[in-house]
Amino acid sequence: VQLSFNTASAQAFGVLATTPAIHAAAVARLADRAKALSAR
């Protein structure tokens, strides 16, 4: 599987897909980055 990004920084902002067991931890880990990106 190859992922392709449309930005040079290879960051995607949008859907977060995780298993239920790690969802809360993933949201917490990415919260600051999501806030910064949504403020642009």
PDB file of N, CA and C in Angstrom:
ATOM      1  N   VAL A   1       0.850  -1.182   0.000  1.00  0.00           N
ATOM      2  CA  VAL A   1       0.000   0.000   0.000  1.00  0.00           C
ATOM      3  C   VAL A   1       0.886   1.233   0.000  1.00  0.00           C
ATOM      4  N   GLN A   2       0.568   2.169  -0.852  1.00  0.00           N
ATOM      5  CA  GLN A   2       1.312   3.423  -0.923  1.00  0.00           C
ATOM      6  C   GLN A   2       0.359   4.571  -0.652  1.00  0.00           C
ATOM      7  N   LEU A   3       0.759   5.472   0.241  1.00  0.00           N
ATOM      8  CA  LEU A   3      -0.024   6.674   0.514  1.00  0.00           C
ATOM      9  C   LEU A   3       0.591   7.833  -0.244  1.00  0.00           C
ATOM     10  N   SER A   4      -0.227   8.604  -0.887  1.00  0.00           N
ATOM     11  CA  SER A   4       0.243   9.791  -1.606  1.00  0.00           C
ATOM     12  C   SER A   4      -0.421  11.018  -1.002  1.00  0.00           C
ATOM     13  N   PHE A   5       0.351  12.065  -0.815  1.00  0.00           N
ATOM     14  CA  PHE A   5      -0.154  13.304  -0.231  1.00  0.00           C
ATOM     15  C   PHE A   5      -0.084  14.413  -1.262  1.00  0.00           C
ATOM     16  N   ASN A   6      -0.971  15.385  -1.113  1.00  0.00           N
ATOM     17  CA  ASN A   6      -0.969  16.511  -2.037  1.00  0.00           C
ATOM     18  C   ASN A   6      -0.269  17.735  -1.453  1.00  0.00           C
ATOM     19  N   THR A   7       0.511  17.538  -0.394  1.00  0.00           N
ATOM     20  CA  THR A   7       1.299  18.624   0.181  1.00  0.00           C
ATOM     21  C   THR A   7       2.734  18.151   0.373  1.00  0.00           C
ATOM     22  N   ALA A   8       3.646  19.086   0.331  1.00  0.00           N
ATOM     23  CA  ALA A   8       5.065  18.741   0.507  1.00  0.00           C
ATOM     24  C   ALA A   8       5.363  18.208   1.905  1.00  0.00           C
ATOM     25  N   SER A   9       4.611  18.666   2.909  1.00  0.00           N
ATOM     26  CA  SER A   9       4.867  18.230   4.283  1.00  0.00           C
ATOM     27  C   SER A   9       4.269  16.856   4.592  1.00  0.00           C
ATOM     28  N   ALA A  10       3.518  16.298   3.653  1.00  0.00           N
ATOM     29  CA  ALA A  10       2.911  14.960   3.806  1.00  0.00           C
ATOM     30  C   ALA A  10       2.037  14.863   5.046  1.00  0.00           C
ATOM     31  N   GLN A  11       1.261  15.892   5.291  1.00  0.00           N
ATOM     32  CA  GLN A  11       0.322  15.869   6.404  1.00  0.00           C
ATOM     33  C   GLN A  11      -1.094  15.914   5.864  1.00  0.00           C
ATOM     34  N   ALA A  12      -1.961  15.133   6.445  1.00  0.00           N
ATOM     35  CA  ALA A  12      -3.373  15.131   6.068  1.00  0.00           C
ATOM     36  C   ALA A  12      -4.196  15.537   7.282  1.00  0.00           C
ATOM     37  N   PHE A  13      -5.169  16.387   7.066  1.00  0.00           N
ATOM     38  CA  PHE A  13      -6.049  16.822   8.145  1.00  0.00           C
ATOM     39  C   PHE A  13      -7.461  16.436   7.758  1.00  0.00           C
ATOM     40  N   GLY A  14      -8.094  15.616   8.548  1.00  0.00           N
ATOM     41  CA  GLY A  14      -9.435  15.180   8.186  1.00  0.00           C
ATOM     42  C   GLY A  14      -9.912  14.044   9.043  1.00  0.00           C
ATOM     43  N   VAL A  15      -9.965  12.873   8.488  1.00  0.00           N
ATOM     44  CA  VAL A  15     -10.544  11.715   9.160  1.00  0.00           C
ATOM     45  C   VAL A  15      -9.481  10.983   9.966  1.00  0.00           C
ATOM     46  N   LEU A  16      -9.840  10.620  11.180  1.00  0.00           N
ATOM     47  CA  LEU A  16      -8.969   9.806  12.026  1.00  0.00           C
ATOM     48  C   LEU A  16      -9.635   8.441  12.179  1.00  0.00           C
ATOM     49  N   ALA A  17      -8.993   7.425  11.679  1.00  0.00           N
ATOM     50  CA  ALA A  17      -9.534   6.065  11.771  1.00  0.00           C
ATOM     51  C   ALA A  17      -8.658   5.246  12.710  1.00  0.00           C
ATOM     52  N   THR A  18      -9.252   4.793  13.801  1.00  0.00           N
ATOM     53  CA  THR A  18      -8.525   3.990  14.786  1.00  0.00           C
ATOM     54  C   THR A  18      -9.432   2.874  15.291  1.00  0.00           C
ATOM     55  N   THR A  19      -8.847   1.975  16.040  1.00  0.00           N
ATOM     56  CA  THR A  19      -9.661   0.979  16.731  1.00  0.00           C
ATOM     57  C   THR A  19     -10.247   1.643  17.976  1.00  0.00           C
ATOM     58  N   PRO A  20     -11.372   1.151  18.469  1.00  0.00           N
ATOM     59  CA  PRO A  20     -11.965   1.740  19.668  1.00  0.00           C
ATOM     60  C   PRO A  20     -11.005   1.773  20.858  1.00  0.00           C
ATOM     61  N   ALA A  21     -10.153   0.785  20.961  1.00  0.00           N
ATOM     62  CA  ALA A  21      -9.252   0.698  22.109  1.00  0.00           C
ATOM     63  C   ALA A  21      -8.252   1.844  22.182  1.00  0.00           C
ATOM     64  N   ILE A  22      -7.860   2.415  21.042  1.00  0.00           N
ATOM     65  CA  ILE A  22      -6.856   3.488  21.064  1.00  0.00           C
ATOM     66  C   ILE A  22      -7.407   4.833  20.599  1.00  0.00           C
ATOM     67  N   HIS A  23      -8.719   4.914  20.350  1.00  0.00           N
ATOM     68  CA  HIS A  23      -9.296   6.146  19.804  1.00  0.00           C
ATOM     69  C   HIS A  23      -9.048   7.360  20.710  1.00  0.00           C
ATOM     70  N   ALA A  24      -9.364   7.251  21.981  1.00  0.00           N
ATOM     71  CA  ALA A  24      -9.195   8.383  22.899  1.00  0.00           C
ATOM     72  C   ALA A  24      -7.739   8.832  22.970  1.00  0.00           C
ATOM     73  N   ALA A  25      -6.820   7.898  23.013  1.00  0.00           N
ATOM     74  CA  ALA A  25      -5.397   8.244  23.063  1.00  0.00           C
ATOM     75  C   ALA A  25      -4.949   8.914  21.771  1.00  0.00           C
ATOM     76  N   ALA A  26      -5.450   8.452  20.637  1.00  0.00           N
ATOM     77  CA  ALA A  26      -5.085   9.056  19.351  1.00  0.00           C
ATOM     78  C   ALA A  26      -5.619  10.476  19.245  1.00  0.00           C
ATOM     79  N   VAL A  27      -6.849  10.690  19.669  1.00  0.00           N
ATOM     80  CA  VAL A  27      -7.430  12.036  19.656  1.00  0.00           C
ATOM     81  C   VAL A  27      -6.623  12.960  20.562  1.00  0.00           C
ATOM     82  N   ALA A  28      -6.291  12.503  21.744  1.00  0.00           N
ATOM     83  CA  ALA A  28      -5.511  13.326  22.671  1.00  0.00           C
ATOM     84  C   ALA A  28      -4.139  13.657  22.097  1.00  0.00           C
ATOM     85  N   ARG A  29      -3.513  12.699  21.466  1.00  0.00           N
ATOM     86  CA  ARG A  29      -2.174  12.910  20.906  1.00  0.00           C
ATOM     87  C   ARG A  29      -2.187  13.927  19.768  1.00  0.00           C
ATOM     88  N   LEU A  30      -3.248  13.938  18.973  1.00  0.00           N
ATOM     89  CA  LEU A  30      -3.312  14.805  17.798  1.00  0.00           C
ATOM     90  C   LEU A  30      -4.078  16.106  18.032  1.00  0.00           C
ATOM     91  N   ALA A  31      -4.623  16.318  19.208  1.00  0.00           N
ATOM     92  CA  ALA A  31      -5.478  17.477  19.470  1.00  0.00           C
ATOM     93  C   ALA A  31      -4.775  18.809  19.218  1.00  0.00           C
ATOM     94  N   ASP A  32      -3.575  18.986  19.719  1.00  0.00           N
ATOM     95  CA  ASP A  32      -2.870  20.260  19.531  1.00  0.00           C
ATOM     96  C   ASP A  32      -2.573  20.523  18.061  1.00  0.00           C
ATOM     97  N   ARG A  33      -2.168  19.501  17.325  1.00  0.00           N
ATOM     98  CA  ARG A  33      -1.888  19.657  15.896  1.00  0.00           C
ATOM     99  C   ARG A  33      -3.171  20.025  15.141  1.00  0.00           C
ATOM    100  N   ALA A  34      -4.276  19.373  15.488  1.00  0.00           N
ATOM    101  CA  ALA A  34      -5.555  19.668  14.830  1.00  0.00           C
ATOM    102  C   ALA A  34      -6.003  21.098  15.110  1.00  0.00           C
ATOM    103  N   LYS A  35      -5.829  21.560  16.343  1.00  0.00           N
ATOM    104  CA  LYS A  35      -6.191  22.942  16.679  1.00  0.00           C
ATOM    105  C   LYS A  35      -5.362  23.929  15.879  1.00  0.00           C
ATOM    106  N   ALA A  36      -4.068  23.680  15.770  1.00  0.00           N
ATOM    107  CA  ALA A  36      -3.188  24.582  15.017  1.00  0.00           C
ATOM    108  C   ALA A  36      -3.554  24.599  13.535  1.00  0.00           C
ATOM    109  N   LEU A  37      -3.843  23.441  12.963  1.00  0.00           N
ATOM    110  CA  LEU A  37      -4.189  23.381  11.544  1.00  0.00           C
ATOM    111  C   LEU A  37      -5.544  24.006  11.261  1.00  0.00           C
ATOM    112  N   SER A  38      -6.484  23.871  12.181  1.00  0.00           N
ATOM    113  CA  SER A  38      -7.815  24.434  11.943  1.00  0.00           C
ATOM    114  C   SER A  38      -7.832  25.946  12.116  1.00  0.00           C
ATOM    115  N   ALA A  39      -6.820  26.498  12.773  1.00  0.00           N
ATOM    116  CA  ALA A  39      -6.746  27.948  12.982  1.00  0.00           C
ATOM    117  C   ALA A  39      -6.176  28.678  11.774  1.00  0.00           C
ATOM    118  N   ARG A  40      -5.648  27.957  10.805  1.00  0.00           N
ATOM    119  CA  ARG A  40      -5.036  28.588   9.634  1.00  0.00           C
ATOM    120  C   ARG A  40      -6.032  29.302   8.797  1.00  0.00           C
TER     121      ARG A  40
END
